[in-house]
Amino acid sequence: MDALSKFIWVFISSTLPFIFWEPWQIALQIAILFIIALSFSLKSLGNLIQAWLLFCGLGAAIMFFHLWTRHEGAELWRLGVLAIHTDGVHFGLLYALRMVAIMSSSYIFVRTTQPRQLVVALVQLGIPYRYAWMIFLSLLSIPVFETEITMVREAQLVRGVRSSANRFQEWVEMTRRYILPLLVSALRRVENVAIAMDSRGFGAFPKRTFIDQFRWSRSGLILASSWLLLLLGVLYIRLSRGW
C-alpha cells in the first residue's frame, strides 16, 4: 500500500475511538488492529506482544488515574477516603482504550511504511519538502537512538555499573544515566544533519525533485475508503441519537 493511504487510514483510525460511545466498541477496534498487525508480524511475534503490552500498560495507568479522581455516579467500592464510582470505571476504561487504539494504529503505520515513501507522499500533498524531511529525519532517528542506548548500557556494564533489584529505582537510575549521553549525542547529530542539509541545498529552492514517484495503490485506497465509510456511519448514528 502507498504511504499516503496508510497515513489517511491512521488519521481515521485514531478518530474513531473518540466517536465510539461504548468501551466494547473501541475494544473491538483494537482487536481488529491487533489482527492486522499480526498478519505482518508472525516472524516477530515477540516484539508485537511486547509492544501491545506496553500500550496496555500505559492505558492501565490512565484508567487508574480516572478511577481515583472521578467521583460521579454510584459508589462501587471504598477503602477509607479512596472510592471507586461507576463514572470512574466507565470513563477510565474509555480513555484507556482510546490511548491503546491510537498507539496501535501508529504502530502499524510505522512498522509497514518506509519513511522516505512518507516524505514523497507528503510533498505530493503540497507540504513544503523541508517540513516533510523533518518528519523523515525524526523517524530515522528512532533506531539510531535505540542503538545509542544499547551502546551506553553496554559501556556502563563493562565499567561495573549494575542495575538495582528494585524496578522503580532501576528505571530512575537508567533515566539519570542515559539522559546526558543521549543529549550530547543528539546535539552532535543535529549539527551534522544541519551541515549535510545545507551542503545539499535544502531551502535554496522552493521545490525539490525526487527519484521516487508517488502513486496511489488500489489496496490502500480500499483500506482508507472502507474505514472512512465506517467513520461516517458511526458519526451518523451518533448525530441521530443526539450525540
C-alpha atoms as a PDB file:
ATOM      1  CA  MET A   1       0.000   0.000   0.000  1.00  0.00           C
ATOM      2  CA  ASP A   2       1.133   3.542  -0.622  1.00  0.00           C
ATOM      3  CA  ALA A   3       2.216   5.633   2.348  1.00  0.00           C
ATOM      4  CA  LEU A   4      -0.386   8.366   1.887  1.00  0.00           C
ATOM      5  CA  SER A   5      -3.344   5.974   2.002  1.00  0.00           C
ATOM      6  CA  LYS A   6      -1.982   4.449   5.199  1.00  0.00           C
ATOM      7  CA  PHE A   7      -1.376   7.933   6.616  1.00  0.00           C
ATOM      8  CA  ILE A   8      -5.030   8.834   5.970  1.00  0.00           C
ATOM      9  CA  TRP A   9      -6.065   5.492   7.484  1.00  0.00           C
ATOM     10  CA  VAL A  10      -4.111   6.249  10.661  1.00  0.00           C
ATOM     11  CA  PHE A  11      -5.928   9.585  10.993  1.00  0.00           C
ATOM     12  CA  ILE A  12      -9.329   7.906  10.522  1.00  0.00           C
ATOM     13  CA  SER A  13      -8.462   5.026  12.859  1.00  0.00           C
ATOM     14  CA  SER A  14      -7.311   7.488  15.536  1.00  0.00           C
ATOM     15  CA  THR A  15     -10.544   9.497  15.187  1.00  0.00           C
ATOM     16  CA  LEU A  16     -12.898   6.528  15.544  1.00  0.00           C
ATOM     17  CA  PRO A  17     -12.235   5.907  19.275  1.00  0.00           C
ATOM     18  CA  PHE A  18     -13.439   9.444  20.060  1.00  0.00           C
ATOM     19  CA  ILE A  19     -16.722   8.844  18.210  1.00  0.00           C
ATOM     20  CA  PHE A  20     -17.487   5.437  19.693  1.00  0.00           C
ATOM     21  CA  TRP A  21     -19.624   5.768  22.803  1.00  0.00           C
ATOM     22  CA  GLU A  22     -19.113   2.343  24.407  1.00  0.00           C
ATOM     23  CA  PRO A  23     -15.817   0.779  25.588  1.00  0.00           C
ATOM     24  CA  TRP A  24     -16.605  -2.579  23.918  1.00  0.00           C
ATOM     25  CA  GLN A  25     -16.723  -0.841  20.524  1.00  0.00           C
ATOM     26  CA  ILE A  26     -13.197   0.529  20.972  1.00  0.00           C
ATOM     27  CA  ALA A  27     -12.068  -2.877  22.272  1.00  0.00           C
ATOM     28  CA  LEU A  28     -13.413  -4.447  19.060  1.00  0.00           C
ATOM     29  CA  GLN A  29     -11.430  -1.921  17.006  1.00  0.00           C
ATOM     30  CA  ILE A  30      -8.270  -2.769  18.981  1.00  0.00           C
ATOM     31  CA  ALA A  31      -8.858  -6.472  18.293  1.00  0.00           C
ATOM     32  CA  ILE A  32      -9.114  -5.738  14.553  1.00  0.00           C
ATOM     33  CA  LEU A  33      -5.908  -3.666  14.701  1.00  0.00           C
ATOM     34  CA  PHE A  34      -4.146  -6.499  16.504  1.00  0.00           C
ATOM     35  CA  ILE A  35      -5.202  -8.954  13.774  1.00  0.00           C
ATOM     36  CA  ILE A  36      -3.882  -6.528  11.120  1.00  0.00           C
ATOM     37  CA  ALA A  37      -0.579  -6.214  12.977  1.00  0.00           C
ATOM     38  CA  LEU A  38      -0.421  -9.978  13.448  1.00  0.00           C
ATOM     39  CA  SER A  39      -0.713 -10.533   9.701  1.00  0.00           C
ATOM     40  CA  PHE A  40       2.718  -8.975   9.062  1.00  0.00           C
ATOM     41  CA  SER A  41       4.414  -9.736  12.405  1.00  0.00           C
ATOM     42  CA  LEU A  42       4.321 -13.537  12.547  1.00  0.00           C
ATOM     43  CA  LYS A  43       8.119 -13.692  12.351  1.00  0.00           C
ATOM     44  CA  SER A  44       8.459 -11.113  15.135  1.00  0.00           C
ATOM     45  CA  LEU A  45       5.543 -12.132  17.319  1.00  0.00           C
ATOM     46  CA  GLY A  46       7.521 -11.441  20.494  1.00  0.00           C
ATOM     47  CA  ASN A  47       8.104  -7.807  19.525  1.00  0.00           C
ATOM     48  CA  LEU A  48       4.428  -7.414  18.669  1.00  0.00           C
ATOM     49  CA  ILE A  49       3.279  -8.799  22.018  1.00  0.00           C
ATOM     50  CA  GLN A  50       5.841  -6.664  23.831  1.00  0.00           C
ATOM     51  CA  ALA A  51       4.593  -3.535  22.055  1.00  0.00           C
ATOM     52  CA  TRP A  52       0.963  -4.346  22.825  1.00  0.00           C
ATOM     53  CA  LEU A  53       1.786  -4.983  26.485  1.00  0.00           C
ATOM     54  CA  LEU A  54       3.408  -1.538  26.597  1.00  0.00           C
ATOM     55  CA  PHE A  55       0.286   0.034  25.090  1.00  0.00           C
ATOM     56  CA  CYS A  56      -1.933  -1.773  27.597  1.00  0.00           C
ATOM     57  CA  GLY A  57       0.341  -0.713  30.461  1.00  0.00           C
ATOM     58  CA  LEU A  58       0.039   2.958  29.517  1.00  0.00           C
ATOM     59  CA  GLY A  59      -3.710   2.537  29.133  1.00  0.00           C
ATOM     60  CA  ALA A  60      -3.919   0.927  32.574  1.00  0.00           C
ATOM     61  CA  ALA A  61      -2.114   3.934  34.070  1.00  0.00           C
ATOM     62  CA  ILE A  62      -4.701   6.259  32.512  1.00  0.00           C
ATOM     63  CA  MET A  63      -7.545   4.098  33.807  1.00  0.00           C
ATOM     64  CA  PHE A  64      -6.044   4.045  37.300  1.00  0.00           C
ATOM     65  CA  PHE A  65      -5.894   7.860  37.263  1.00  0.00           C
ATOM     66  CA  HIS A  66      -9.598   8.148  36.372  1.00  0.00           C
ATOM     67  CA  LEU A  67     -10.612   5.533  38.919  1.00  0.00           C
ATOM     68  CA  TRP A  68      -9.227   7.578  41.793  1.00  0.00           C
ATOM     69  CA  THR A  69     -10.091  11.081  40.534  1.00  0.00           C
ATOM     70  CA  ARG A  70     -13.688  10.698  39.257  1.00  0.00           C
ATOM     71  CA  HIS A  71     -16.323  10.588  41.989  1.00  0.00           C
ATOM     72  CA  GLU A  72     -19.531  10.804  39.956  1.00  0.00           C
ATOM     73  CA  GLY A  73     -22.098   8.031  39.719  1.00  0.00           C
ATOM     74  CA  ALA A  74     -22.862   5.193  42.099  1.00  0.00           C
ATOM     75  CA  GLU A  75     -20.187   4.100  44.526  1.00  0.00           C
ATOM     76  CA  LEU A  76     -18.819   0.632  43.793  1.00  0.00           C
ATOM     77  CA  TRP A  77     -16.043   0.216  46.356  1.00  0.00           C
ATOM     78  CA  ARG A  78     -14.499   2.256  49.150  1.00  0.00           C
ATOM     79  CA  LEU A  79     -11.316   1.999  51.212  1.00  0.00           C
ATOM     80  CA  GLY A  80     -11.101   4.882  53.663  1.00  0.00           C
ATOM     81  CA  VAL A  81     -11.023   8.111  51.666  1.00  0.00           C
ATOM     82  CA  LEU A  82     -10.468   6.240  48.382  1.00  0.00           C
ATOM     83  CA  ALA A  83     -13.603   5.305  46.473  1.00  0.00           C
ATOM     84  CA  ILE A  84     -14.384   3.887  43.031  1.00  0.00           C
ATOM     85  CA  HIS A  85     -17.524   5.087  41.244  1.00  0.00           C
ATOM     86  CA  THR A  86     -19.307   3.947  38.091  1.00  0.00           C
ATOM     87  CA  ASP A  87     -18.255   7.018  36.095  1.00  0.00           C
ATOM     88  CA  GLY A  88     -14.651   6.441  37.062  1.00  0.00           C
ATOM     89  CA  VAL A  89     -14.784   2.883  35.709  1.00  0.00           C
ATOM     90  CA  HIS A  90     -16.628   3.884  32.530  1.00  0.00           C
ATOM     91  CA  PHE A  91     -14.557   6.915  31.575  1.00  0.00           C
ATOM     92  CA  GLY A  92     -11.311   5.359  32.773  1.00  0.00           C
ATOM     93  CA  LEU A  93     -11.875   2.346  30.525  1.00  0.00           C
ATOM     94  CA  LEU A  94     -12.964   4.628  27.676  1.00  0.00           C
ATOM     95  CA  TYR A  95      -9.865   6.841  27.795  1.00  0.00           C
ATOM     96  CA  ALA A  96      -7.543   3.872  28.311  1.00  0.00           C
ATOM     97  CA  LEU A  97      -8.911   2.055  25.258  1.00  0.00           C
ATOM     98  CA  ARG A  98      -8.663   5.238  23.203  1.00  0.00           C
ATOM     99  CA  MET A  99      -4.982   5.506  24.053  1.00  0.00           C
ATOM    100  CA  VAL A 100      -4.356   1.853  23.130  1.00  0.00           C
ATOM    101  CA  ALA A 101      -6.231   2.226  19.817  1.00  0.00           C
ATOM    102  CA  ILE A 102      -4.275   5.331  18.775  1.00  0.00           C
ATOM    103  CA  MET A 103      -0.909   3.783  19.642  1.00  0.00           C
ATOM    104  CA  SER A 104      -1.865   0.537  17.864  1.00  0.00           C
ATOM    105  CA  SER A 105      -2.707   2.382  14.631  1.00  0.00           C
ATOM    106  CA  SER A 106       0.538   4.354  14.804  1.00  0.00           C
ATOM    107  CA  TYR A 107       2.496   1.149  15.444  1.00  0.00           C
ATOM    108  CA  ILE A 108       1.042  -0.490  12.334  1.00  0.00           C
ATOM    109  CA  PHE A 109       1.863   2.563  10.232  1.00  0.00           C
ATOM    110  CA  VAL A 110       5.466   2.796  11.457  1.00  0.00           C
ATOM    111  CA  ARG A 111       6.106  -0.941  11.021  1.00  0.00           C
ATOM    112  CA  THR A 112       4.779  -1.043   7.429  1.00  0.00           C
ATOM    113  CA  THR A 113       5.932   2.291   5.976  1.00  0.00           C
ATOM    114  CA  GLN A 114       9.312   3.424   4.747  1.00  0.00           C
ATOM    115  CA  PRO A 115       9.970   6.996   5.973  1.00  0.00           C
ATOM    116  CA  ARG A 116      11.144   8.082   2.513  1.00  0.00           C
ATOM    117  CA  GLN A 117       7.829   6.985   0.987  1.00  0.00           C
ATOM    118  CA  LEU A 118       6.011   9.120   3.530  1.00  0.00           C
ATOM    119  CA  VAL A 119       8.143  12.142   2.585  1.00  0.00           C
ATOM    120  CA  VAL A 120       7.321  11.782  -1.119  1.00  0.00           C
ATOM    121  CA  ALA A 121       3.622  11.390  -0.277  1.00  0.00           C
ATOM    122  CA  LEU A 122       3.562  14.482   1.949  1.00  0.00           C
ATOM    123  CA  VAL A 123       5.275  16.553  -0.736  1.00  0.00           C
ATOM    124  CA  GLN A 124       2.612  15.318  -3.144  1.00  0.00           C
ATOM    125  CA  LEU A 125       0.002  16.828  -0.802  1.00  0.00           C
ATOM    126  CA  GLY A 126       1.701  20.202  -1.112  1.00  0.00           C
ATOM    127  CA  ILE A 127       3.582  20.211   2.179  1.00  0.00           C
ATOM    128  CA  PRO A 128       6.956  22.031   1.844  1.00  0.00           C
ATOM    129  CA  TYR A 129       9.698  19.461   1.416  1.00  0.00           C
ATOM    130  CA  ARG A 130      11.724  20.892   4.297  1.00  0.00           C
ATOM    131  CA  TYR A 131       8.952  20.047   6.791  1.00  0.00           C
ATOM    132  CA  ALA A 132       8.448  16.638   5.183  1.00  0.00           C
ATOM    133  CA  TRP A 133      12.141  15.875   5.571  1.00  0.00           C
ATOM    134  CA  MET A 134      11.976  16.955   9.212  1.00  0.00           C
ATOM    135  CA  ILE A 135       9.443  14.155   9.772  1.00  0.00           C
ATOM    136  CA  PHE A 136      11.694  11.765   7.836  1.00  0.00           C
ATOM    137  CA  LEU A 137      14.715  12.608   9.991  1.00  0.00           C
ATOM    138  CA  SER A 138      12.666  12.264  13.176  1.00  0.00           C
ATOM    139  CA  LEU A 139      11.529   8.758  12.205  1.00  0.00           C
ATOM    140  CA  LEU A 140      15.030   7.882  11.077  1.00  0.00           C
ATOM    141  CA  SER A 141      16.485   8.945  14.436  1.00  0.00           C
ATOM    142  CA  ILE A 142      14.432   6.439  16.454  1.00  0.00           C
ATOM    143  CA  PRO A 143      16.524   3.336  15.575  1.00  0.00           C
ATOM    144  CA  VAL A 144      19.694   5.424  15.867  1.00  0.00           C
ATOM    145  CA  PHE A 145      18.882   6.351  19.455  1.00  0.00           C
ATOM    146  CA  GLU A 146      17.915   2.756  20.233  1.00  0.00           C
ATOM    147  CA  THR A 147      21.432   1.783  19.141  1.00  0.00           C
ATOM    148  CA  GLU A 148      22.891   4.613  21.228  1.00  0.00           C
ATOM    149  CA  ILE A 149      21.030   3.372  24.323  1.00  0.00           C
ATOM    150  CA  THR A 150      22.406  -0.147  23.765  1.00  0.00           C
ATOM    151  CA  MET A 151      25.950   1.208  23.415  1.00  0.00           C
ATOM    152  CA  VAL A 152      25.631   3.302  26.591  1.00  0.00           C
ATOM    153  CA  ARG A 153      24.218   0.353  28.556  1.00  0.00           C
ATOM    154  CA  GLU A 154      26.997  -1.986  27.407  1.00  0.00           C
ATOM    155  CA  ALA A 155      29.672   0.609  28.147  1.00  0.00           C
ATOM    156  CA  GLN A 156      28.324   1.064  31.668  1.00  0.00           C
ATOM    157  CA  LEU A 157      28.141  -2.701  32.241  1.00  0.00           C
ATOM    158  CA  VAL A 158      31.804  -3.009  31.229  1.00  0.00           C
ATOM    159  CA  ARG A 159      32.638  -0.347  33.814  1.00  0.00           C
ATOM    160  CA  GLY A 160      30.867  -2.250  36.582  1.00  0.00           C
ATOM    161  CA  VAL A 161      27.538  -0.391  36.678  1.00  0.00           C
ATOM    162  CA  ARG A 162      24.834  -2.842  37.697  1.00  0.00           C
ATOM    163  CA  SER A 163      21.056  -2.476  37.751  1.00  0.00           C
ATOM    164  CA  SER A 164      19.130  -2.273  41.000  1.00  0.00           C
ATOM    165  CA  ALA A 165      16.865  -5.042  42.267  1.00  0.00           C
ATOM    166  CA  ASN A 166      14.037  -2.522  42.685  1.00  0.00           C
ATOM    167  CA  ARG A 167      12.371  -1.980  39.288  1.00  0.00           C
ATOM    168  CA  PHE A 168      11.298   1.609  40.021  1.00  0.00           C
ATOM    169  CA  GLN A 169      14.731   2.541  41.358  1.00  0.00           C
ATOM    170  CA  GLU A 170      16.291   0.865  38.324  1.00  0.00           C
ATOM    171  CA  TRP A 171      14.091   2.950  35.985  1.00  0.00           C
ATOM    172  CA  VAL A 172      15.077   6.184  37.769  1.00  0.00           C
ATOM    173  CA  GLU A 173      18.774   5.256  37.644  1.00  0.00           C
ATOM    174  CA  MET A 174      18.585   4.334  33.956  1.00  0.00           C
ATOM    175  CA  THR A 175      16.921   7.665  33.143  1.00  0.00           C
ATOM    176  CA  ARG A 176      19.562   9.579  35.061  1.00  0.00           C
ATOM    177  CA  ARG A 177      22.468   7.664  33.478  1.00  0.00           C
ATOM    178  CA  TYR A 178      21.193   7.730  29.899  1.00  0.00           C
ATOM    179  CA  ILE A 179      19.805  11.246  29.531  1.00  0.00           C
ATOM    180  CA  LEU A 180      23.142  13.098  29.441  1.00  0.00           C
ATOM    181  CA  PRO A 181      24.917  10.793  26.901  1.00  0.00           C
ATOM    182  CA  LEU A 182      21.838  10.803  24.664  1.00  0.00           C
ATOM    183  CA  LEU A 183      21.533  14.581  24.899  1.00  0.00           C
ATOM    184  CA  VAL A 184      25.177  15.059  23.896  1.00  0.00           C
ATOM    185  CA  SER A 185      24.769  12.577  21.032  1.00  0.00           C
ATOM    186  CA  ALA A 186      21.588  14.314  19.841  1.00  0.00           C
ATOM    187  CA  LEU A 187      23.250  17.742  19.801  1.00  0.00           C
ATOM    188  CA  ARG A 188      26.185  16.345  17.841  1.00  0.00           C
ATOM    189  CA  ARG A 189      23.909  14.694  15.296  1.00  0.00           C
ATOM    190  CA  VAL A 190      21.739  17.798  14.904  1.00  0.00           C
ATOM    191  CA  GLU A 191      24.805  19.827  13.929  1.00  0.00           C
ATOM    192  CA  ASN A 192      25.949  17.158  11.454  1.00  0.00           C
ATOM    193  CA  VAL A 193      22.487  16.919   9.881  1.00  0.00           C
ATOM    194  CA  ALA A 194      22.221  20.708   9.579  1.00  0.00           C
ATOM    195  CA  ILE A 195      25.588  20.907   7.785  1.00  0.00           C
ATOM    196  CA  ALA A 196      24.645  17.997   5.495  1.00  0.00           C
ATOM    197  CA  MET A 197      21.290  19.608   4.563  1.00  0.00           C
ATOM    198  CA  ASP A 198      22.931  22.980   3.870  1.00  0.00           C
ATOM    199  CA  SER A 199      25.547  21.349   1.636  1.00  0.00           C
ATOM    200  CA  ARG A 200      22.746  19.673  -0.375  1.00  0.00           C
ATOM    201  CA  GLY A 201      20.894  22.927  -0.930  1.00  0.00           C
ATOM    202  CA  PHE A 202      17.889  22.415   1.348  1.00  0.00           C
ATOM    203  CA  GLY A 203      15.879  25.618   1.411  1.00  0.00           C
ATOM    204  CA  ALA A 204      17.686  27.200  -1.550  1.00  0.00           C
ATOM    205  CA  PHE A 205      14.826  26.456  -3.958  1.00  0.00           C
ATOM    206  CA  PRO A 206      11.037  26.315  -3.448  1.00  0.00           C
ATOM    207  CA  LYS A 207      10.757  22.815  -4.946  1.00  0.00           C
ATOM    208  CA  ARG A 208      12.872  19.678  -4.908  1.00  0.00           C
ATOM    209  CA  THR A 209      12.720  16.722  -7.265  1.00  0.00           C
ATOM    210  CA  PHE A 210      12.593  13.083  -6.177  1.00  0.00           C
ATOM    211  CA  ILE A 211      13.674   9.915  -7.930  1.00  0.00           C
ATOM    212  CA  ASP A 212      10.710   8.052  -6.457  1.00  0.00           C
ATOM    213  CA  GLN A 213       7.323   8.952  -7.915  1.00  0.00           C
ATOM    214  CA  PHE A 214       4.206   8.821  -5.766  1.00  0.00           C
ATOM    215  CA  ARG A 215       1.390   6.548  -6.919  1.00  0.00           C
ATOM    216  CA  TRP A 216      -1.874   5.699  -5.226  1.00  0.00           C
ATOM    217  CA  SER A 217      -2.344   1.976  -4.632  1.00  0.00           C
ATOM    218  CA  ARG A 218      -5.683   0.228  -5.093  1.00  0.00           C
ATOM    219  CA  SER A 219      -5.402  -1.690  -1.828  1.00  0.00           C
ATOM    220  CA  GLY A 220      -4.512   1.496   0.054  1.00  0.00           C
ATOM    221  CA  LEU A 221      -7.497   3.370  -1.371  1.00  0.00           C
ATOM    222  CA  ILE A 222      -9.802   0.450  -0.491  1.00  0.00           C
ATOM    223  CA  LEU A 223      -8.490   0.414   3.083  1.00  0.00           C
ATOM    224  CA  ALA A 224      -8.798   4.179   3.583  1.00  0.00           C
ATOM    225  CA  SER A 225     -12.227   4.449   1.924  1.00  0.00           C
ATOM    226  CA  SER A 226     -13.692   1.488   3.867  1.00  0.00           C
ATOM    227  CA  TRP A 227     -12.605   2.933   7.193  1.00  0.00           C
ATOM    228  CA  LEU A 228     -13.863   6.362   6.093  1.00  0.00           C
ATOM    229  CA  LEU A 229     -17.286   4.865   5.385  1.00  0.00           C
ATOM    230  CA  LEU A 230     -17.198   3.249   8.828  1.00  0.00           C
ATOM    231  CA  LEU A 231     -16.323   6.609  10.387  1.00  0.00           C
ATOM    232  CA  LEU A 232     -19.170   8.383   8.560  1.00  0.00           C
ATOM    233  CA  GLY A 233     -21.622   5.632   9.523  1.00  0.00           C
ATOM    234  CA  VAL A 234     -20.727   5.785  13.219  1.00  0.00           C
ATOM    235  CA  LEU A 235     -20.840   9.588  13.102  1.00  0.00           C
ATOM    236  CA  TYR A 236     -24.329   9.477  11.548  1.00  0.00           C
ATOM    237  CA  ILE A 237     -25.553   7.141  14.280  1.00  0.00           C
ATOM    238  CA  ARG A 238     -24.140   9.429  16.973  1.00  0.00           C
ATOM    239  CA  LEU A 239     -25.773  12.524  15.458  1.00  0.00           C
ATOM    240  CA  SER A 240     -29.118  10.759  15.004  1.00  0.00           C
ATOM    241  CA  ARG A 241     -29.042   9.853  18.694  1.00  0.00           C
ATOM    242  CA  GLY A 242     -28.320  13.447  19.707  1.00  0.00           C
ATOM    243  CA  TRP A 243     -24.615  12.720  20.324  1.00  0.00           C
END
